[in-house]
Protein backbone atom coordinates (compact mmCIF):
# COMPACT_ATOMS: atom_id res chain seq x y z
CA MET A 1 20.27 -16.67 -0.17
CA SER A 2 19.32 -13.59 -2.21
CA PRO A 3 17.02 -14.39 -5.14
CA THR A 4 17.78 -13.31 -8.69
CA LEU A 5 15.79 -10.23 -9.67
CA THR A 6 15.44 -8.54 -13.04
CA ALA A 7 15.32 -4.76 -13.47
CA THR A 8 13.43 -3.13 -16.34
CA PRO A 9 13.91 0.55 -17.26
CA LEU A 10 10.64 2.42 -17.65
CA THR A 11 12.29 5.60 -18.94
CA ALA A 12 15.26 6.26 -21.20
CA PRO A 13 18.61 6.32 -19.36
CA SER A 14 19.44 9.70 -20.92
CA ALA A 15 17.57 12.73 -19.61
CA PRO A 16 15.24 14.58 -22.01
CA ALA A 17 16.75 17.50 -23.91
CA GLY A 18 17.33 20.46 -21.65
CA VAL A 19 17.18 18.35 -18.48
CA GLY A 20 20.32 17.72 -16.45
CA ALA A 21 21.24 14.61 -14.49
CA ARG A 22 18.24 13.03 -12.78
CA PRO A 23 17.76 10.93 -9.66
CA LEU A 24 17.21 7.18 -10.01
CA PHE A 25 14.00 5.70 -8.66
CA MET A 26 13.88 1.93 -8.17
CA LEU A 27 10.25 0.78 -8.05
CA GLY A 28 9.14 -2.43 -6.34
CA PRO A 29 5.98 -4.48 -6.99
CA SER A 30 3.24 -5.99 -4.89
CA LEU A 31 2.87 -9.76 -4.54
CA GLY A 32 1.15 -11.18 -7.62
CA THR A 33 1.78 -8.15 -9.83
CA ARG A 34 4.07 -7.41 -12.75
CA GLY A 35 6.07 -4.32 -11.91
CA GLU A 36 5.81 -2.72 -15.35
CA ARG A 37 2.03 -2.98 -15.30
CA LEU A 38 1.62 -1.75 -11.74
CA TRP A 39 3.79 1.35 -12.18
CA ALA A 40 3.03 2.17 -15.84
CA PRO A 41 0.39 4.84 -15.07
CA VAL A 42 2.94 6.79 -13.00
CA VAL A 43 5.68 6.86 -15.65
CA PRO A 44 4.47 9.83 -17.74
CA LEU A 45 4.02 11.86 -14.56
CA LEU A 46 7.60 11.37 -13.33
CA SER A 47 9.73 10.72 -16.41
CA GLU A 48 10.96 14.31 -16.64
CA VAL A 49 12.20 14.43 -13.04
CA ALA A 50 13.60 10.93 -12.50
CA HIS A 51 14.89 7.83 -14.26
CA LEU A 52 12.46 5.05 -13.36
CA VAL A 53 13.44 1.39 -13.13
CA VAL A 54 11.16 -1.37 -11.89
CA TRP A 55 12.18 -4.74 -10.46
CA ASP A 56 10.08 -7.90 -10.37
CA LEU A 57 9.66 -10.46 -7.60
CA PRO A 58 10.91 -14.00 -8.27
CA GLY A 59 8.71 -15.76 -10.79
CA HIS A 60 6.85 -12.52 -11.54
CA GLY A 61 7.17 -10.48 -14.72
CA ARG A 62 10.74 -10.69 -16.04
CA SER A 63 12.42 -12.18 -12.94
CA PRO A 64 13.28 -15.89 -13.09
CA ALA A 65 11.36 -18.37 -10.98
CA THR A 66 12.86 -19.85 -7.84
CA THR A 67 12.44 -22.98 -5.76
CA GLU A 68 14.65 -21.66 -2.94
CA ALA A 69 13.45 -20.04 0.27
CA PHE A 70 14.28 -16.37 0.81
CA THR A 71 13.39 -13.61 3.26
CA VAL A 72 12.30 -10.01 2.79
CA GLY A 73 15.79 -9.14 3.97
CA ASP A 74 17.21 -11.21 1.12
CA LEU A 75 15.05 -9.19 -1.27
CA ALA A 76 16.49 -6.01 0.22
CA ASP A 77 20.02 -7.29 -0.40
CA ALA A 78 19.18 -8.22 -3.98
CA VAL A 79 17.49 -4.89 -4.71
CA THR A 80 20.38 -2.92 -3.27
CA GLU A 81 22.89 -4.84 -5.40
CA LEU A 82 20.65 -4.44 -8.46
CA THR A 83 20.40 -0.71 -7.80
CA THR A 84 24.18 -0.35 -7.57
CA ARG A 85 24.59 -2.06 -10.95
CA THR A 86 21.80 -0.01 -12.50
CA ALA A 87 23.26 3.30 -11.29
CA ARG A 88 26.71 2.30 -12.54
CA ASP A 89 25.37 1.57 -16.02
CA LEU A 90 23.64 4.94 -16.47
CA ASP A 91 25.00 7.54 -18.90
CA SER A 92 25.53 9.98 -16.02
CA THR A 93 25.78 9.62 -12.26
CA PRO A 94 22.29 10.00 -10.73
CA THR A 95 21.77 12.96 -8.41
CA GLY A 96 20.24 10.62 -5.85
CA VAL A 97 18.99 7.04 -5.53
CA TYR A 98 15.52 6.25 -4.17
CA HIS A 99 13.38 3.17 -3.61
CA ALA A 100 9.60 2.97 -3.61
CA GLY A 101 7.71 -0.30 -3.25
CA VAL A 102 4.15 -1.54 -2.94
CA SER A 103 3.07 -4.12 -0.33
CA LEU A 104 5.88 -6.73 -0.38
CA GLY A 105 7.94 -4.19 -2.30
CA GLY A 106 7.21 -1.69 0.47
CA ALA A 107 8.27 -4.17 3.14
CA THR A 108 11.49 -4.42 1.14
CA SER A 109 11.92 -0.65 1.58
CA LEU A 110 11.90 -1.11 5.35
CA GLU A 111 14.45 -3.91 5.18
CA ILE A 112 16.66 -1.77 2.96
CA GLY A 113 16.60 0.90 5.66
CA LEU A 114 17.61 -1.67 8.27
CA ARG A 115 20.24 -3.57 6.30
CA HIS A 116 21.63 -0.90 3.98
CA ALA A 117 21.42 2.39 5.84
CA HIS A 118 22.14 5.44 3.66
CA ALA A 119 22.49 3.36 0.50
CA PHE A 120 19.41 5.25 -0.72
CA SER A 121 18.62 8.95 -0.43
CA ALA A 122 15.11 8.15 0.83
CA LEU A 123 12.63 5.29 0.93
CA ALA A 124 8.92 5.09 0.17
CA LEU A 125 6.44 2.35 0.87
CA PHE A 126 2.91 2.19 -0.44
CA CYS A 127 0.16 -0.01 1.01
CA SER A 128 2.57 -1.85 3.29
CA GLY A 129 3.65 -2.18 6.89
CA ALA A 130 6.13 -3.46 9.42
CA LYS A 131 4.10 -6.68 9.50
CA LEU A 132 1.49 -7.84 6.99
CA GLY A 133 -1.11 -10.44 7.84
CA THR A 134 -0.29 -13.42 10.05
CA PRO A 135 2.25 -16.23 9.65
CA GLN A 136 -0.55 -18.78 9.64
CA GLY A 137 -2.47 -16.94 6.95
CA TRP A 138 0.56 -16.62 4.67
CA ASN A 139 1.63 -20.22 5.16
CA GLU A 140 -1.88 -21.42 4.39
CA ARG A 141 -1.90 -19.33 1.22
CA ALA A 142 1.44 -20.79 0.20
CA GLU A 143 0.01 -24.30 0.47
CA LEU A 144 -3.13 -23.25 -1.44
CA ILE A 145 -1.02 -21.92 -4.30
CA ARG A 146 1.08 -25.07 -4.42
CA SER A 147 -2.04 -27.22 -4.69
CA ASP A 148 -4.35 -25.05 -6.82
CA GLY A 149 -2.19 -22.39 -8.46
CA THR A 150 -2.59 -18.63 -8.48
CA ALA A 151 -6.06 -18.93 -10.04
CA ALA A 152 -7.23 -19.82 -6.53
CA VAL A 153 -6.55 -16.27 -5.27
CA VAL A 154 -7.80 -14.18 -8.21
CA ASP A 155 -11.25 -13.50 -6.73
CA GLY A 156 -9.80 -12.60 -3.34
CA SER A 157 -7.23 -10.33 -4.97
CA ARG A 158 -9.95 -8.56 -6.95
CA GLN A 159 -11.62 -7.69 -3.65
CA ARG A 160 -8.45 -6.72 -1.76
CA TRP A 161 -6.50 -4.90 -4.45
CA PHE A 162 -9.01 -2.26 -5.51
CA ALA A 163 -11.16 0.36 -3.80
CA PRO A 164 -14.95 0.10 -4.10
CA GLY A 165 -16.10 0.94 -7.61
CA PHE A 166 -12.64 0.80 -9.24
CA VAL A 167 -13.15 -2.54 -11.02
CA ASP A 168 -16.36 -1.20 -12.60
CA SER A 169 -14.95 2.20 -13.52
CA ARG A 170 -11.52 1.04 -14.77
CA PRO A 171 -11.99 -2.60 -15.80
CA GLU A 172 -9.12 -2.47 -18.30
CA ILE A 173 -6.62 -1.74 -15.52
CA ALA A 174 -8.05 -4.22 -13.02
CA ASP A 175 -8.41 -7.02 -15.59
CA ALA A 176 -4.83 -6.60 -16.84
CA LEU A 177 -3.39 -6.73 -13.32
CA LEU A 178 -5.44 -9.82 -12.46
CA ALA A 179 -4.40 -11.49 -15.73
CA ASP A 180 -0.74 -10.98 -14.74
CA LEU A 181 -1.47 -12.78 -11.46
CA LEU A 182 -2.41 -15.89 -13.44
CA GLU A 183 1.02 -15.82 -15.13
CA VAL A 184 3.03 -15.86 -11.87
CA ASP A 185 5.06 -18.98 -11.15
CA ASP A 186 3.23 -20.91 -8.42
CA GLU A 187 6.25 -21.98 -6.37
CA SER A 188 7.79 -18.51 -6.51
CA TYR A 189 4.51 -17.00 -5.29
CA ALA A 190 4.42 -19.52 -2.45
CA ARG A 191 7.99 -18.61 -1.48
CA CYS A 192 6.96 -14.93 -1.40
CA CYS A 193 4.10 -15.86 0.94
CA GLU A 194 6.55 -17.63 3.26
CA ALA A 195 8.83 -14.59 3.22
CA LEU A 196 5.88 -12.44 4.30
CA ALA A 197 5.00 -14.95 7.02
CA ALA A 198 8.40 -14.29 8.59
CA HIS A 199 8.34 -10.52 8.03
CA ASP A 200 7.95 -8.47 11.22
CA VAL A 201 10.19 -5.46 11.84
CA THR A 202 7.81 -3.73 14.24
CA ASP A 203 10.35 -3.63 17.06
CA ARG A 204 13.14 -2.41 14.76
CA LEU A 205 11.50 0.59 13.10
CA GLY A 206 13.33 2.96 15.41
CA ASP A 207 16.63 1.76 13.95
CA ILE A 208 15.81 3.13 10.49
CA ALA A 209 17.59 6.45 9.97
CA ASP A 210 16.78 7.02 6.29
CA PRO A 211 13.99 9.46 5.36
CA ILE A 212 10.78 7.48 4.87
CA VAL A 213 7.31 8.24 3.56
CA ALA A 214 4.70 5.57 4.34
CA VAL A 215 1.63 5.84 2.13
CA ALA A 216 -1.64 4.05 2.89
CA GLY A 217 -4.84 3.63 0.94
CA GLU A 218 -8.03 4.69 2.68
CA HIS A 219 -9.73 1.40 1.77
CA ASP A 220 -6.77 -0.95 2.16
CA GLN A 221 -7.79 -4.08 4.07
CA VAL A 222 -4.27 -5.56 3.95
CA ALA A 223 -2.31 -2.52 5.17
CA PRO A 224 -4.76 0.01 6.63
CA PRO A 225 -3.70 3.60 7.37
CA GLU A 226 -2.81 2.87 11.00
CA MET A 227 0.08 0.73 9.75
CA ALA A 228 1.58 3.71 7.90
CA ASP A 229 0.96 5.91 10.93
CA ALA A 230 2.81 3.42 13.15
CA ILE A 231 5.86 3.66 10.89
CA ALA A 232 5.74 7.46 10.99
CA GLU A 233 5.63 7.39 14.77
CA ALA A 234 8.40 4.82 15.27
CA ALA A 235 11.01 5.48 12.58
CA GLN A 236 13.48 8.32 13.05
CA HIS A 237 12.61 10.47 10.04
CA ALA A 238 9.26 9.34 8.69
CA ARG A 239 5.86 10.65 7.77
CA SER A 240 2.62 8.97 6.75
CA ILE A 241 0.06 9.88 4.13
CA THR A 242 -3.39 8.40 3.50
CA LEU A 243 -4.74 8.51 -0.05
CA PRO A 244 -8.54 8.68 -0.30
CA GLY A 245 -10.27 6.38 -2.75
CA VAL A 246 -7.35 3.94 -2.84
CA ALA A 247 -7.06 0.35 -1.61
CA HIS A 248 -3.93 -1.79 -2.07
CA LEU A 249 -2.40 -0.83 -5.45
CA ALA A 250 -1.91 2.93 -5.25
CA PRO A 251 0.25 3.41 -8.38
CA SER A 252 -2.46 1.92 -10.59
CA GLU A 253 -5.46 3.21 -8.66
CA ASP A 254 -4.30 6.82 -8.27
CA PRO A 255 -1.15 7.51 -10.29
CA VAL A 256 -1.50 11.29 -9.90
CA ALA A 257 -1.42 11.15 -6.10
CA THR A 258 1.36 8.54 -6.19
CA ALA A 259 3.49 10.70 -8.46
CA ARG A 260 2.85 13.74 -6.27
CA VAL A 261 4.10 11.88 -3.19
CA LEU A 262 7.28 10.83 -4.99
CA ARG A 263 7.91 14.32 -6.38
CA GLU A 264 7.60 15.74 -2.87
CA LEU A 265 9.97 13.07 -1.58
CA LEU A 266 12.56 14.18 -4.12
CA GLN A 267 12.09 17.83 -3.21
CA SER A 268 12.30 17.30 0.53
CA THR A 269 15.35 15.04 0.63
CA GLY A 270 17.85 16.41 3.09
CA GLU A 271 15.32 18.63 4.83
CA SER A 272 15.01 16.66 8.05
CA ASP A 273 12.31 18.91 9.46
CA ASN A 274 10.05 17.82 6.61
CA PHE A 275 10.24 14.25 7.85
CA GLU A 276 9.15 14.72 11.44
CA ALA A 277 6.49 12.13 12.23
CA ARG A 278 3.11 13.40 11.13
CA LYS A 279 -0.07 12.18 9.50
CA GLU A 280 -1.61 13.53 6.32
CA THR A 281 -4.65 12.81 4.24
CA ARG A 282 -4.66 13.61 0.53
């Protein structure tokens, strides 16, 4: 059963004066984060070239909590339906529709490519992979959250989410993201963990025909660069990029590099030779 997700516009539906119709970018969050907070640093860098809308995971940010089980595929279904409604409600028809997600949101990008081929012009995933962690690890975390709440994973998230030195240099960003983690509904978080426990599309990457860019953080312990490289090598039209100085939350850690990747994705849509499997370091 697809969960109920809430979309929040980050830019005005109408294009700025002098700008024609823009593409629509749906932006997905990482587990434990509020989408608006995670993507906020990127907004001023992309608002002139795209209409940006973020969606929240169940029990995160503005999305209602759930007690029902769901899969990453169910998230893909819900996001695709939400995107259709969002595009329909815009003042003008978008010139293209794109999805970019972080971690669990990035895994959703892959499922969108598998379940809803060509519904999006292109897909991006940041700090994610065809499989994340182990089923045992995710199921154990789900039980920990049910017994002790999200406060039990704040310290671990502080270590995994950010590259060395980021917490000290940008404490206002790190502290705000970690504070949002404490506000997440415990059961919804646990259900997200169980969805990740069942997520493994490694053997199906070759079935994805949509253009894909897989972006890894140099210091990401959860989804290291080789995971992005594996997607670039297996999917039909994919490339991988590694961002230096980034761990698991690229949009907040390096919004300039994140925005650059998404601008290039917009520019290269339809140019299949730009999506031949290759590896890059920024």
